[in-house]
């Protein structure tokens, strides 16, 4: 598993469809265009970052974020926005490294980290309509990275903040379980590594095939 560099988004892409993952992340012969939802999400994340980091006023279309961001700003502690963290893995333990280091094993980005001595708050903003498909495993993964990059932190309170529906999906993590958090996706990583080793990237048929950029796939319905 140590030879495959991955992230939460890449694992989810592989789960969605190995063939799509191959074309977008391995062969890189196809690019996925930025959807309206993706563009909106990127804009929202940037607006939130600038508001927390430097007090830049929110654009009108993101004014609904004001209450949520003010509540986060009111939490005491040192605030870090859009922190990129790299993790190494030597087969037995995990270490901290730069996001683009050659030895990086896993990459993750924390939208907001608030450090309070030996504890931290970690928030990931979501622009989905509701929390129906919330995946708290992502919170465990980020918490594992926080414990690795900030060894003084022993407790994390994390949350998926669904800013449109104003839902907060909370979870607590303890540094004693750091390794288990970073191994959360080991089963998927085994399958991903097997696909790399064998060169077999089987396509999945899902409702998302209607928007897939891999038009050569027999399941593609975007034509």
C-alpha atoms as a PDB file:
ATOM      1  CA  UNK A   1       0.000   0.000   0.000  1.00  0.00           C
ATOM      2  CA  UNK A   2       2.909   2.319   0.596  1.00  0.00           C
ATOM      3  CA  UNK A   3       3.562   2.748  -3.132  1.00  0.00           C
ATOM      4  CA  UNK A   4       0.180   4.312  -3.901  1.00  0.00           C
ATOM      5  CA  UNK A   5      -0.295   7.992  -3.068  1.00  0.00           C
ATOM      6  CA  UNK A   6      -3.900   8.730  -2.267  1.00  0.00           C
ATOM      7  CA  UNK A   7      -6.429  11.089  -0.699  1.00  0.00           C
ATOM      8  CA  UNK A   8      -9.994  10.816   0.524  1.00  0.00           C
ATOM      9  CA  UNK A   9     -11.302  12.144  -2.795  1.00  0.00           C
ATOM     10  CA  UNK A  10      -9.225   9.697  -4.830  1.00  0.00           C
ATOM     11  CA  UNK A  11     -10.454   6.724  -2.773  1.00  0.00           C
ATOM     12  CA  UNK A  12     -14.049   7.842  -3.243  1.00  0.00           C
ATOM     13  CA  UNK A  13     -13.429   8.214  -6.981  1.00  0.00           C
ATOM     14  CA  UNK A  14     -11.986   4.691  -7.143  1.00  0.00           C
ATOM     15  CA  UNK A  15     -14.982   3.326  -5.222  1.00  0.00           C
ATOM     16  CA  UNK A  16     -17.300   5.091  -7.643  1.00  0.00           C
ATOM     17  CA  UNK A  17     -15.599   3.615 -10.710  1.00  0.00           C
ATOM     18  CA  UNK A  18     -12.093   2.143 -11.119  1.00  0.00           C
ATOM     19  CA  UNK A  19     -12.141   2.872 -14.868  1.00  0.00           C
ATOM     20  CA  UNK A  20     -12.940   6.533 -14.301  1.00  0.00           C
ATOM     21  CA  UNK A  21     -10.188   6.673 -11.652  1.00  0.00           C
ATOM     22  CA  UNK A  22      -7.713   5.198 -14.138  1.00  0.00           C
ATOM     23  CA  UNK A  23      -8.391   7.771 -16.831  1.00  0.00           C
ATOM     24  CA  UNK A  24      -8.454  10.768 -14.471  1.00  0.00           C
ATOM     25  CA  UNK A  25      -5.686   9.834 -12.004  1.00  0.00           C
ATOM     26  CA  UNK A  26      -3.380   7.282 -13.691  1.00  0.00           C
ATOM     27  CA  UNK A  27      -3.394   7.697 -17.479  1.00  0.00           C
ATOM     28  CA  UNK A  28      -4.521  11.322 -17.101  1.00  0.00           C
ATOM     29  CA  UNK A  29      -5.768  11.228 -20.676  1.00  0.00           C
ATOM     30  CA  UNK A  30      -9.142  12.690 -19.713  1.00  0.00           C
ATOM     31  CA  UNK A  31      -9.984  15.730 -17.617  1.00  0.00           C
ATOM     32  CA  UNK A  32     -13.213  16.120 -15.706  1.00  0.00           C
ATOM     33  CA  UNK A  33     -14.716  19.561 -16.250  1.00  0.00           C
ATOM     34  CA  UNK A  34     -15.605  21.565 -13.173  1.00  0.00           C
ATOM     35  CA  UNK A  35     -19.325  21.291 -12.552  1.00  0.00           C
ATOM     36  CA  UNK A  36     -21.404  24.210 -11.314  1.00  0.00           C
ATOM     37  CA  UNK A  37     -21.613  22.523  -7.898  1.00  0.00           C
ATOM     38  CA  UNK A  38     -17.831  22.095  -7.728  1.00  0.00           C
ATOM     39  CA  UNK A  39     -17.245  25.707  -8.756  1.00  0.00           C
ATOM     40  CA  UNK A  40     -19.696  26.920  -6.143  1.00  0.00           C
ATOM     41  CA  UNK A  41     -18.045  24.769  -3.477  1.00  0.00           C
ATOM     42  CA  UNK A  42     -14.584  26.080  -4.334  1.00  0.00           C
ATOM     43  CA  UNK A  43     -15.817  29.674  -4.196  1.00  0.00           C
ATOM     44  CA  UNK A  44     -17.499  29.056  -0.849  1.00  0.00           C
ATOM     45  CA  UNK A  45     -14.378  27.492   0.663  1.00  0.00           C
ATOM     46  CA  UNK A  46     -12.270  30.463  -0.466  1.00  0.00           C
ATOM     47  CA  UNK A  47     -14.761  32.969   0.931  1.00  0.00           C
ATOM     48  CA  UNK A  48     -14.809  31.140   4.281  1.00  0.00           C
ATOM     49  CA  UNK A  49     -11.009  30.968   4.363  1.00  0.00           C
ATOM     50  CA  UNK A  50     -10.604  34.699   3.738  1.00  0.00           C
ATOM     51  CA  UNK A  51     -13.281  35.592   6.291  1.00  0.00           C
ATOM     52  CA  UNK A  52     -11.695  33.515   9.063  1.00  0.00           C
ATOM     53  CA  UNK A  53      -8.100  34.362   8.164  1.00  0.00           C
ATOM     54  CA  UNK A  54      -8.311  38.087   7.478  1.00  0.00           C
ATOM     55  CA  UNK A  55     -11.878  39.241   8.064  1.00  0.00           C
ATOM     56  CA  UNK A  56     -12.565  39.756   4.367  1.00  0.00           C
ATOM     57  CA  UNK A  57     -16.309  40.479   4.024  1.00  0.00           C
ATOM     58  CA  UNK A  58     -18.349  37.645   2.561  1.00  0.00           C
ATOM     59  CA  UNK A  59     -19.715  38.097  -0.966  1.00  0.00           C
ATOM     60  CA  UNK A  60     -23.468  38.589  -0.950  1.00  0.00           C
ATOM     61  CA  UNK A  61     -24.244  35.115  -2.223  1.00  0.00           C
ATOM     62  CA  UNK A  62     -22.421  33.635   0.774  1.00  0.00           C
ATOM     63  CA  UNK A  63     -23.947  35.891   3.408  1.00  0.00           C
ATOM     64  CA  UNK A  64     -25.780  32.872   4.833  1.00  0.00           C
ATOM     65  CA  UNK A  65     -22.381  31.663   6.118  1.00  0.00           C
ATOM     66  CA  UNK A  66     -22.051  34.621   8.472  1.00  0.00           C
ATOM     67  CA  UNK A  67     -23.603  32.982  11.539  1.00  0.00           C
ATOM     68  CA  UNK A  68     -21.661  29.733  11.178  1.00  0.00           C
ATOM     69  CA  UNK A  69     -18.333  31.466  10.590  1.00  0.00           C
ATOM     70  CA  UNK A  70     -18.869  33.935  13.411  1.00  0.00           C
ATOM     71  CA  UNK A  71     -19.552  31.032  15.768  1.00  0.00           C
ATOM     72  CA  UNK A  72     -16.318  29.346  14.660  1.00  0.00           C
ATOM     73  CA  UNK A  73     -14.392  32.615  14.949  1.00  0.00           C
ATOM     74  CA  UNK A  74     -15.625  32.958  18.523  1.00  0.00           C
ATOM     75  CA  UNK A  75     -13.965  29.686  19.549  1.00  0.00           C
ATOM     76  CA  UNK A  76     -10.678  30.584  21.282  1.00  0.00           C
ATOM     77  CA  UNK A  77      -7.427  29.187  19.912  1.00  0.00           C
ATOM     78  CA  UNK A  78      -5.039  29.529  17.008  1.00  0.00           C
ATOM     79  CA  UNK A  79      -6.875  29.158  13.709  1.00  0.00           C
ATOM     80  CA  UNK A  80      -5.395  27.490  10.614  1.00  0.00           C
ATOM     81  CA  UNK A  81      -7.317  27.647   7.319  1.00  0.00           C
ATOM     82  CA  UNK A  82      -7.045  25.244   4.377  1.00  0.00           C
ATOM     83  CA  UNK A  83      -4.071  23.402   5.876  1.00  0.00           C
ATOM     84  CA  UNK A  84      -2.473  20.888   3.513  1.00  0.00           C
ATOM     85  CA  UNK A  85      -1.003  17.858   5.298  1.00  0.00           C
ATOM     86  CA  UNK A  86       1.081  15.033   3.894  1.00  0.00           C
ATOM     87  CA  UNK A  87       1.448  11.674   5.636  1.00  0.00           C
ATOM     88  CA  UNK A  88       4.170   9.056   5.149  1.00  0.00           C
ATOM     89  CA  UNK A  89       3.815   5.335   5.866  1.00  0.00           C
ATOM     90  CA  UNK A  90       6.695   2.893   6.313  1.00  0.00           C
ATOM     91  CA  UNK A  91       4.596  -0.222   6.815  1.00  0.00           C
ATOM     92  CA  UNK A  92       4.360   0.125  10.582  1.00  0.00           C
ATOM     93  CA  UNK A  93       3.870   3.791  11.490  1.00  0.00           C
ATOM     94  CA  UNK A  94       2.831   7.115  10.030  1.00  0.00           C
ATOM     95  CA  UNK A  95       4.797  10.353   9.878  1.00  0.00           C
ATOM     96  CA  UNK A  96       4.276  13.977   8.894  1.00  0.00           C
ATOM     97  CA  UNK A  97       5.634  15.383   5.633  1.00  0.00           C
ATOM     98  CA  UNK A  98       4.974  18.111   3.109  1.00  0.00           C
ATOM     99  CA  UNK A  99       1.903  17.887   0.897  1.00  0.00           C
ATOM    100  CA  UNK A 100       4.027  17.496  -2.244  1.00  0.00           C
ATOM    101  CA  UNK A 101       6.982  15.558  -0.801  1.00  0.00           C
ATOM    102  CA  UNK A 102       8.191  12.664  -2.945  1.00  0.00           C
ATOM    103  CA  UNK A 103       7.750  10.283  -0.017  1.00  0.00           C
ATOM    104  CA  UNK A 104       4.129  11.313   0.652  1.00  0.00           C
ATOM    105  CA  UNK A 105       1.705   8.407   1.094  1.00  0.00           C
ATOM    106  CA  UNK A 106      -1.545  10.246   1.808  1.00  0.00           C
ATOM    107  CA  UNK A 107      -2.670  13.842   1.324  1.00  0.00           C
ATOM    108  CA  UNK A 108      -5.466  15.640   3.111  1.00  0.00           C
ATOM    109  CA  UNK A 109      -6.647  19.231   3.566  1.00  0.00           C
ATOM    110  CA  UNK A 110      -8.335  20.573   6.706  1.00  0.00           C
ATOM    111  CA  UNK A 111     -10.700  23.462   5.963  1.00  0.00           C
ATOM    112  CA  UNK A 112     -10.293  24.823   9.492  1.00  0.00           C
ATOM    113  CA  UNK A 113      -8.236  23.742  12.497  1.00  0.00           C
ATOM    114  CA  UNK A 114      -8.458  25.547  15.827  1.00  0.00           C
ATOM    115  CA  UNK A 115      -5.663  24.585  18.246  1.00  0.00           C
ATOM    116  CA  UNK A 116      -6.257  25.007  21.970  1.00  0.00           C
ATOM    117  CA  UNK A 117      -3.171  23.756  23.815  1.00  0.00           C
ATOM    118  CA  UNK A 118      -3.572  19.942  23.722  1.00  0.00           C
ATOM    119  CA  UNK A 119      -6.960  19.905  21.989  1.00  0.00           C
ATOM    120  CA  UNK A 120      -8.257  20.959  18.592  1.00  0.00           C
ATOM    121  CA  UNK A 121     -11.429  21.634  16.642  1.00  0.00           C
ATOM    122  CA  UNK A 122     -11.428  20.441  13.028  1.00  0.00           C
ATOM    123  CA  UNK A 123     -14.147  21.572  10.595  1.00  0.00           C
ATOM    124  CA  UNK A 124     -14.841  20.454   7.036  1.00  0.00           C
ATOM    125  CA  UNK A 125     -17.327  22.590   5.098  1.00  0.00           C
ATOM    126  CA  UNK A 126     -19.884  20.832   2.907  1.00  0.00           C
ATOM    127  CA  UNK A 127     -22.136  22.519   0.351  1.00  0.00           C
ATOM    128  CA  UNK A 128     -24.468  19.567  -0.206  1.00  0.00           C
ATOM    129  CA  UNK A 129     -28.200  20.136   0.182  1.00  0.00           C
ATOM    130  CA  UNK A 130     -28.292  18.011   3.352  1.00  0.00           C
ATOM    131  CA  UNK A 131     -26.255  15.551   5.414  1.00  0.00           C
ATOM    132  CA  UNK A 132     -28.005  12.419   4.133  1.00  0.00           C
ATOM    133  CA  UNK A 133     -24.794  10.957   2.682  1.00  0.00           C
ATOM    134  CA  UNK A 134     -22.376  12.316   5.300  1.00  0.00           C
ATOM    135  CA  UNK A 135     -19.245  10.172   5.635  1.00  0.00           C
ATOM    136  CA  UNK A 136     -17.673  10.620   9.062  1.00  0.00           C
ATOM    137  CA  UNK A 137     -14.760   8.381   8.062  1.00  0.00           C
ATOM    138  CA  UNK A 138     -13.341  11.491   6.416  1.00  0.00           C
ATOM    139  CA  UNK A 139     -13.262  13.138   9.840  1.00  0.00           C
ATOM    140  CA  UNK A 140     -11.264  10.216  11.262  1.00  0.00           C
ATOM    141  CA  UNK A 141      -8.748  10.475   8.442  1.00  0.00           C
ATOM    142  CA  UNK A 142      -8.217  14.207   8.943  1.00  0.00           C
ATOM    143  CA  UNK A 143      -8.012  13.767  12.716  1.00  0.00           C
ATOM    144  CA  UNK A 144      -5.286  11.154  12.238  1.00  0.00           C
ATOM    145  CA  UNK A 145      -3.345  13.650  10.138  1.00  0.00           C
ATOM    146  CA  UNK A 146      -3.838  16.393  12.737  1.00  0.00           C
ATOM    147  CA  UNK A 147      -2.507  14.140  15.512  1.00  0.00           C
ATOM    148  CA  UNK A 148       0.515  13.378  13.311  1.00  0.00           C
ATOM    149  CA  UNK A 149       1.287  16.973  12.329  1.00  0.00           C
ATOM    150  CA  UNK A 150       0.424  18.460  15.721  1.00  0.00           C
ATOM    151  CA  UNK A 151       1.746  15.907  18.250  1.00  0.00           C
ATOM    152  CA  UNK A 152       0.845  18.202  21.146  1.00  0.00           C
ATOM    153  CA  UNK A 153      -2.841  17.624  20.333  1.00  0.00           C
ATOM    154  CA  UNK A 154      -4.368  14.674  22.209  1.00  0.00           C
ATOM    155  CA  UNK A 155      -8.083  15.320  21.630  1.00  0.00           C
ATOM    156  CA  UNK A 156      -9.987  16.431  18.537  1.00  0.00           C
ATOM    157  CA  UNK A 157     -13.569  17.558  18.178  1.00  0.00           C
ATOM    158  CA  UNK A 158     -14.376  17.380  14.487  1.00  0.00           C
ATOM    159  CA  UNK A 159     -17.414  18.205  12.398  1.00  0.00           C
ATOM    160  CA  UNK A 160     -18.797  18.136   8.903  1.00  0.00           C
ATOM    161  CA  UNK A 161     -20.489  21.533   8.583  1.00  0.00           C
ATOM    162  CA  UNK A 162     -23.275  21.382   6.004  1.00  0.00           C
ATOM    163  CA  UNK A 163     -23.467  25.126   5.511  1.00  0.00           C
ATOM    164  CA  UNK A 164     -26.546  25.183   3.261  1.00  0.00           C
ATOM    165  CA  UNK A 165     -28.803  23.014   5.438  1.00  0.00           C
ATOM    166  CA  UNK A 166     -27.079  24.281   8.615  1.00  0.00           C
ATOM    167  CA  UNK A 167     -26.424  20.764   9.907  1.00  0.00           C
ATOM    168  CA  UNK A 168     -23.389  19.843  11.968  1.00  0.00           C
ATOM    169  CA  UNK A 169     -22.279  16.210  12.038  1.00  0.00           C
ATOM    170  CA  UNK A 170     -19.945  15.861  15.011  1.00  0.00           C
ATOM    171  CA  UNK A 171     -17.376  13.326  16.099  1.00  0.00           C
ATOM    172  CA  UNK A 172     -14.663  13.084  18.769  1.00  0.00           C
ATOM    173  CA  UNK A 173     -11.218  11.532  18.261  1.00  0.00           C
ATOM    174  CA  UNK A 174      -8.429  10.570  20.660  1.00  0.00           C
ATOM    175  CA  UNK A 175      -4.701  10.538  19.849  1.00  0.00           C
ATOM    176  CA  UNK A 176      -4.384   7.012  21.259  1.00  0.00           C
ATOM    177  CA  UNK A 177      -6.341   5.813  18.196  1.00  0.00           C
ATOM    178  CA  UNK A 178      -4.272   7.772  15.654  1.00  0.00           C
ATOM    179  CA  UNK A 179      -3.098   4.682  13.758  1.00  0.00           C
ATOM    180  CA  UNK A 180      -6.610   3.277  13.466  1.00  0.00           C
ATOM    181  CA  UNK A 181      -7.862   6.566  12.013  1.00  0.00           C
ATOM    182  CA  UNK A 182      -5.142   6.573   9.352  1.00  0.00           C
ATOM    183  CA  UNK A 183      -5.837   2.928   8.494  1.00  0.00           C
ATOM    184  CA  UNK A 184      -9.583   3.563   8.064  1.00  0.00           C
ATOM    185  CA  UNK A 185      -9.418   3.031   4.304  1.00  0.00           C
ATOM    186  CA  UNK A 186      -6.993   0.094   4.242  1.00  0.00           C
ATOM    187  CA  UNK A 187      -9.515  -2.284   2.557  1.00  0.00           C
ATOM    188  CA  UNK A 188     -10.081   0.202  -0.274  1.00  0.00           C
ATOM    189  CA  UNK A 189      -6.336   0.804  -0.541  1.00  0.00           C
ATOM    190  CA  UNK A 190      -5.738  -2.915  -0.946  1.00  0.00           C
ATOM    191  CA  UNK A 191      -8.145  -2.962  -3.888  1.00  0.00           C
ATOM    192  CA  UNK A 192      -6.581   0.201  -5.338  1.00  0.00           C
ATOM    193  CA  UNK A 193      -3.085  -1.254  -5.113  1.00  0.00           C
ATOM    194  CA  UNK A 194      -4.304  -4.504  -6.718  1.00  0.00           C
ATOM    195  CA  UNK A 195      -5.691  -2.504  -9.647  1.00  0.00           C
ATOM    196  CA  UNK A 196      -2.339  -0.705 -10.033  1.00  0.00           C
ATOM    197  CA  UNK A 197      -0.437  -4.003  -9.856  1.00  0.00           C
ATOM    198  CA  UNK A 198      -2.650  -5.905 -12.309  1.00  0.00           C
ATOM    199  CA  UNK A 199      -3.639  -3.077 -14.611  1.00  0.00           C
ATOM    200  CA  UNK A 200      -7.278  -4.157 -14.318  1.00  0.00           C
ATOM    201  CA  UNK A 201      -9.625  -1.187 -13.955  1.00  0.00           C
ATOM    202  CA  UNK A 202     -13.162  -2.514 -14.219  1.00  0.00           C
ATOM    203  CA  UNK A 203     -15.965  -0.052 -14.894  1.00  0.00           C
ATOM    204  CA  UNK A 204     -18.945   0.306 -12.562  1.00  0.00           C
ATOM    205  CA  UNK A 205     -22.407   1.162 -13.789  1.00  0.00           C
ATOM    206  CA  UNK A 206     -23.912   3.873 -11.576  1.00  0.00           C
ATOM    207  CA  UNK A 207     -26.352   6.793 -11.972  1.00  0.00           C
ATOM    208  CA  UNK A 208     -23.283   9.042 -12.242  1.00  0.00           C
ATOM    209  CA  UNK A 209     -22.466   7.469 -15.620  1.00  0.00           C
ATOM    210  CA  UNK A 210     -24.799  10.072 -17.106  1.00  0.00           C
ATOM    211  CA  UNK A 211     -22.218  12.758 -16.346  1.00  0.00           C
ATOM    212  CA  UNK A 212     -18.984  10.801 -16.764  1.00  0.00           C
ATOM    213  CA  UNK A 213     -16.281  12.283 -19.020  1.00  0.00           C
ATOM    214  CA  UNK A 214     -15.026   8.789 -20.021  1.00  0.00           C
ATOM    215  CA  UNK A 215     -17.155   8.607 -23.155  1.00  0.00           C
ATOM    216  CA  UNK A 216     -15.407   5.448 -24.420  1.00  0.00           C
ATOM    217  CA  UNK A 217     -16.860   3.440 -21.524  1.00  0.00           C
ATOM    218  CA  UNK A 218     -19.781   1.153 -22.520  1.00  0.00           C
ATOM    219  CA  UNK A 219     -21.730   2.349 -19.482  1.00  0.00           C
ATOM    220  CA  UNK A 220     -21.397   6.018 -20.415  1.00  0.00           C
ATOM    221  CA  UNK A 221     -24.763   7.720 -20.882  1.00  0.00           C
ATOM    222  CA  UNK A 222     -23.574  11.273 -21.468  1.00  0.00           C
ATOM    223  CA  UNK A 223     -23.295  10.864 -25.237  1.00  0.00           C
END
